[in-house]
Every structure is written in C-alpha cells, then in structure tokens.
Amino acid sequence: MDAYLQDELYDLLTYCIQKPQSPDFASKKGRVQEIGRELYADGGADALENIFFSIEHRVKDEIDRDAKPYRMWWNSIANEWKY
C-alpha cells in the first residue's frame, strides 16, 4: 500500500508545485491530506516522516524543486508532526 500511496503522493505534489494556480489545486491538496491520514493510521508519524523524506528527495532530483513547504499540509494529522 505504501508504494502506491508514495507514487500517488509524488504525482500530486509535483502537480501542486508546478501548477499552484490550477483550478483543481484544492482537490489535489485534499487528497494529499487524505494520504497523510491513511499513512498515519497505518504506521504513525514515522510513516509520515519516511514517506515525505523520500518524496522530498525525489522531487528535488526529478524536477529540481523543494517539497518541504508542503509538509505543513499534514500538520493537523498528528501532534508530533509540526512543520
């Protein structure tokens, strides 16, 4: 499940990073938040950290952009996740 969610998360984040004015930006952001909740339910804050860590590096390597600002989209999921 995590590999599927990781790929989906990558696709959503790269879309949001590259097209912040897109009309479907809010729905993409909502799905990113849903993925975070699914990951947290499955593996806690460690799962969030592990997935986002790999996504950050993949985004940097593949599209040369920074995904770190998007970590805050998961702030409401867990008390230990504060960015």
N, C-alpha and C. Protein backbone atom coordinates (compact mmCIF):
# COMPACT_ATOMS: atom_id res chain seq x y z
N MET A 1 0.82 -1.19 0.00
CA MET A 1 0.00 0.00 0.00
C MET A 1 0.87 1.26 0.00
N ASP A 2 1.94 1.26 0.78
CA ASP A 2 2.77 2.45 0.88
C ASP A 2 3.39 2.85 -0.46
N ALA A 3 3.81 1.89 -1.26
CA ALA A 3 4.42 2.21 -2.54
C ALA A 3 3.41 2.89 -3.46
N TYR A 4 2.19 2.38 -3.48
CA TYR A 4 1.14 3.01 -4.28
C TYR A 4 0.88 4.43 -3.79
N LEU A 5 0.76 4.60 -2.49
CA LEU A 5 0.49 5.93 -1.93
C LEU A 5 1.67 6.87 -2.16
N GLN A 6 2.87 6.34 -2.10
CA GLN A 6 4.05 7.17 -2.34
C GLN A 6 4.05 7.69 -3.77
N ASP A 7 3.74 6.84 -4.72
CA ASP A 7 3.68 7.29 -6.11
C ASP A 7 2.57 8.30 -6.33
N GLU A 8 1.42 8.05 -5.73
CA GLU A 8 0.32 8.99 -5.86
C GLU A 8 0.68 10.33 -5.22
N LEU A 9 1.29 10.27 -4.04
CA LEU A 9 1.70 11.49 -3.35
C LEU A 9 2.71 12.27 -4.19
N TYR A 10 3.65 11.59 -4.77
CA TYR A 10 4.63 12.25 -5.64
C TYR A 10 3.93 12.96 -6.79
N ASP A 11 3.04 12.26 -7.45
CA ASP A 11 2.32 12.86 -8.58
C ASP A 11 1.53 14.09 -8.15
N LEU A 12 0.84 13.99 -7.02
CA LEU A 12 0.04 15.11 -6.53
C LEU A 12 0.91 16.31 -6.15
N LEU A 13 1.98 16.05 -5.43
CA LEU A 13 2.83 17.15 -5.00
C LEU A 13 3.53 17.83 -6.18
N THR A 14 4.02 17.05 -7.11
CA THR A 14 4.68 17.68 -8.26
C THR A 14 3.68 18.51 -9.05
N TYR A 15 2.46 18.03 -9.15
CA TYR A 15 1.41 18.79 -9.83
C TYR A 15 1.17 20.11 -9.10
N CYS A 16 1.01 20.04 -7.78
CA CYS A 16 0.74 21.25 -6.98
C CYS A 16 1.91 22.22 -7.02
N ILE A 17 3.11 21.71 -6.99
CA ILE A 17 4.30 22.55 -7.04
C ILE A 17 4.39 23.27 -8.39
N GLN A 18 4.09 22.55 -9.45
CA GLN A 18 4.25 23.11 -10.79
C GLN A 18 3.05 23.94 -11.24
N LYS A 19 1.88 23.71 -10.64
CA LYS A 19 0.66 24.41 -11.07
C LYS A 19 -0.13 24.93 -9.88
N PRO A 20 0.45 25.86 -9.11
CA PRO A 20 -0.24 26.33 -7.90
C PRO A 20 -1.53 27.12 -8.18
N GLN A 21 -1.70 27.59 -9.37
CA GLN A 21 -2.91 28.35 -9.71
C GLN A 21 -3.97 27.49 -10.42
N SER A 22 -3.74 26.21 -10.47
CA SER A 22 -4.66 25.30 -11.15
C SER A 22 -6.03 25.29 -10.47
N PRO A 23 -7.10 25.17 -11.23
CA PRO A 23 -8.44 25.14 -10.63
C PRO A 23 -8.69 23.92 -9.74
N ASP A 24 -7.94 22.84 -9.94
CA ASP A 24 -8.15 21.66 -9.12
C ASP A 24 -7.09 21.53 -8.01
N PHE A 25 -6.37 22.61 -7.72
CA PHE A 25 -5.35 22.62 -6.68
C PHE A 25 -5.93 22.19 -5.34
N ALA A 26 -7.08 22.70 -4.96
CA ALA A 26 -7.69 22.38 -3.65
C ALA A 26 -8.02 20.89 -3.54
N SER A 27 -8.51 20.30 -4.62
CA SER A 27 -8.83 18.87 -4.56
C SER A 27 -7.56 18.03 -4.47
N LYS A 28 -6.50 18.45 -5.15
CA LYS A 28 -5.21 17.74 -5.08
C LYS A 28 -4.65 17.85 -3.65
N LYS A 29 -4.73 19.05 -3.07
CA LYS A 29 -4.26 19.25 -1.70
C LYS A 29 -5.06 18.37 -0.73
N GLY A 30 -6.37 18.30 -0.93
CA GLY A 30 -7.21 17.45 -0.09
C GLY A 30 -6.81 15.99 -0.16
N ARG A 31 -6.47 15.53 -1.34
CA ARG A 31 -6.05 14.14 -1.49
C ARG A 31 -4.69 13.91 -0.81
N VAL A 32 -3.80 14.89 -0.87
CA VAL A 32 -2.51 14.78 -0.16
C VAL A 32 -2.78 14.62 1.33
N GLN A 33 -3.73 15.36 1.85
CA GLN A 33 -4.07 15.27 3.26
C GLN A 33 -4.69 13.92 3.60
N GLU A 34 -5.53 13.40 2.71
CA GLU A 34 -6.10 12.06 2.91
C GLU A 34 -5.01 11.00 2.95
N ILE A 35 -4.06 11.10 2.05
CA ILE A 35 -2.95 10.14 2.03
C ILE A 35 -2.20 10.20 3.35
N GLY A 36 -1.96 11.40 3.85
CA GLY A 36 -1.30 11.54 5.14
C GLY A 36 -2.06 10.85 6.25
N ARG A 37 -3.38 11.00 6.26
CA ARG A 37 -4.19 10.33 7.29
C ARG A 37 -4.11 8.81 7.15
N GLU A 38 -4.13 8.33 5.93
CA GLU A 38 -4.02 6.88 5.69
C GLU A 38 -2.67 6.35 6.18
N LEU A 39 -1.62 7.08 5.85
CA LEU A 39 -0.28 6.66 6.27
C LEU A 39 -0.15 6.68 7.78
N TYR A 40 -0.68 7.73 8.40
CA TYR A 40 -0.60 7.83 9.86
C TYR A 40 -1.37 6.70 10.52
N ALA A 41 -2.53 6.38 10.00
CA ALA A 41 -3.33 5.29 10.57
C ALA A 41 -2.60 3.96 10.45
N ASP A 42 -1.83 3.82 9.40
CA ASP A 42 -1.13 2.56 9.16
C ASP A 42 0.20 2.46 9.91
N GLY A 43 0.92 3.60 10.07
CA GLY A 43 2.26 3.49 10.64
C GLY A 43 2.68 4.64 11.54
N GLY A 44 1.76 5.52 11.89
CA GLY A 44 2.09 6.62 12.79
C GLY A 44 2.93 7.70 12.13
N ALA A 45 3.47 8.55 12.98
CA ALA A 45 4.27 9.68 12.49
C ALA A 45 5.53 9.22 11.77
N ASP A 46 6.05 8.07 12.16
CA ASP A 46 7.23 7.54 11.46
C ASP A 46 6.94 7.28 9.99
N ALA A 47 5.75 6.78 9.71
CA ALA A 47 5.37 6.53 8.32
C ALA A 47 5.29 7.85 7.54
N LEU A 48 4.74 8.87 8.17
CA LEU A 48 4.69 10.19 7.52
C LEU A 48 6.10 10.68 7.21
N GLU A 49 6.96 10.59 8.20
CA GLU A 49 8.34 11.07 8.04
C GLU A 49 9.07 10.31 6.95
N ASN A 50 8.95 8.99 6.95
CA ASN A 50 9.66 8.17 5.97
C ASN A 50 9.20 8.46 4.54
N ILE A 51 7.90 8.54 4.35
CA ILE A 51 7.37 8.79 3.01
C ILE A 51 7.76 10.18 2.54
N PHE A 52 7.58 11.18 3.41
CA PHE A 52 7.86 12.54 2.96
C PHE A 52 9.35 12.75 2.71
N PHE A 53 10.19 12.11 3.50
CA PHE A 53 11.63 12.20 3.29
C PHE A 53 11.99 11.73 1.87
N SER A 54 11.47 10.60 1.49
CA SER A 54 11.80 10.08 0.16
C SER A 54 11.17 10.94 -0.94
N ILE A 55 9.98 11.45 -0.69
CA ILE A 55 9.32 12.32 -1.67
C ILE A 55 10.12 13.61 -1.86
N GLU A 56 10.58 14.20 -0.77
CA GLU A 56 11.37 15.43 -0.87
C GLU A 56 12.58 15.24 -1.78
N HIS A 57 13.29 14.14 -1.59
CA HIS A 57 14.48 13.89 -2.40
C HIS A 57 14.12 13.58 -3.84
N ARG A 58 13.06 12.87 -4.03
CA ARG A 58 12.64 12.54 -5.40
C ARG A 58 12.22 13.81 -6.16
N VAL A 59 11.47 14.68 -5.49
CA VAL A 59 11.05 15.94 -6.11
C VAL A 59 12.28 16.78 -6.46
N LYS A 60 13.21 16.86 -5.54
CA LYS A 60 14.44 17.63 -5.78
C LYS A 60 15.22 17.06 -6.96
N ASP A 61 15.36 15.75 -6.99
CA ASP A 61 16.13 15.11 -8.06
C ASP A 61 15.45 15.20 -9.42
N GLU A 62 14.13 15.02 -9.45
CA GLU A 62 13.44 14.90 -10.73
C GLU A 62 12.93 16.21 -11.31
N ILE A 63 12.50 17.15 -10.46
CA ILE A 63 12.02 18.42 -11.02
C ILE A 63 12.75 19.63 -10.44
N ASP A 64 13.76 19.37 -9.62
CA ASP A 64 14.60 20.42 -9.03
C ASP A 64 13.78 21.49 -8.31
N ARG A 65 12.85 21.03 -7.50
CA ARG A 65 12.01 21.93 -6.69
C ARG A 65 12.03 21.44 -5.25
N ASP A 66 11.57 22.29 -4.34
CA ASP A 66 11.57 21.98 -2.92
C ASP A 66 10.16 21.60 -2.46
N ALA A 67 10.02 20.41 -1.90
CA ALA A 67 8.72 19.94 -1.41
C ALA A 67 8.51 20.25 0.08
N LYS A 68 9.55 20.73 0.77
CA LYS A 68 9.45 20.95 2.21
C LYS A 68 8.28 21.84 2.63
N PRO A 69 7.97 22.91 1.91
CA PRO A 69 6.84 23.74 2.34
C PRO A 69 5.50 23.00 2.39
N TYR A 70 5.40 21.91 1.69
CA TYR A 70 4.15 21.16 1.63
C TYR A 70 3.98 20.20 2.80
N ARG A 71 5.01 20.06 3.60
CA ARG A 71 4.91 19.23 4.82
C ARG A 71 3.80 19.75 5.74
N MET A 72 3.61 21.05 5.75
CA MET A 72 2.62 21.64 6.66
C MET A 72 1.20 21.17 6.36
N TRP A 73 0.96 20.63 5.20
CA TRP A 73 -0.38 20.14 4.87
C TRP A 73 -0.79 18.98 5.76
N TRP A 74 0.17 18.36 6.43
CA TRP A 74 -0.13 17.24 7.33
C TRP A 74 -0.10 17.64 8.80
N ASN A 75 0.03 18.92 9.09
CA ASN A 75 0.14 19.36 10.49
C ASN A 75 -1.04 18.97 11.35
N SER A 76 -2.21 18.88 10.82
CA SER A 76 -3.39 18.56 11.63
C SER A 76 -3.58 17.06 11.86
N ILE A 77 -2.72 16.25 11.30
CA ILE A 77 -2.88 14.80 11.39
C ILE A 77 -2.40 14.23 12.73
N ALA A 78 -1.24 14.72 13.18
CA ALA A 78 -0.64 14.16 14.40
C ALA A 78 0.01 15.27 15.20
N ASN A 79 -0.09 15.17 16.51
CA ASN A 79 0.53 16.17 17.38
C ASN A 79 2.04 16.26 17.20
N GLU A 80 2.67 15.13 16.88
CA GLU A 80 4.12 15.10 16.73
C GLU A 80 4.59 15.58 15.36
N TRP A 81 3.68 15.89 14.47
CA TRP A 81 4.02 16.38 13.13
C TRP A 81 3.74 17.87 13.08
N LYS A 82 4.76 18.68 13.26
CA LYS A 82 4.61 20.14 13.27
C LYS A 82 5.64 20.79 12.36
N TYR A 83 5.18 21.25 11.23
CA TYR A 83 6.07 21.94 10.29
C TYR A 83 5.47 23.24 9.87
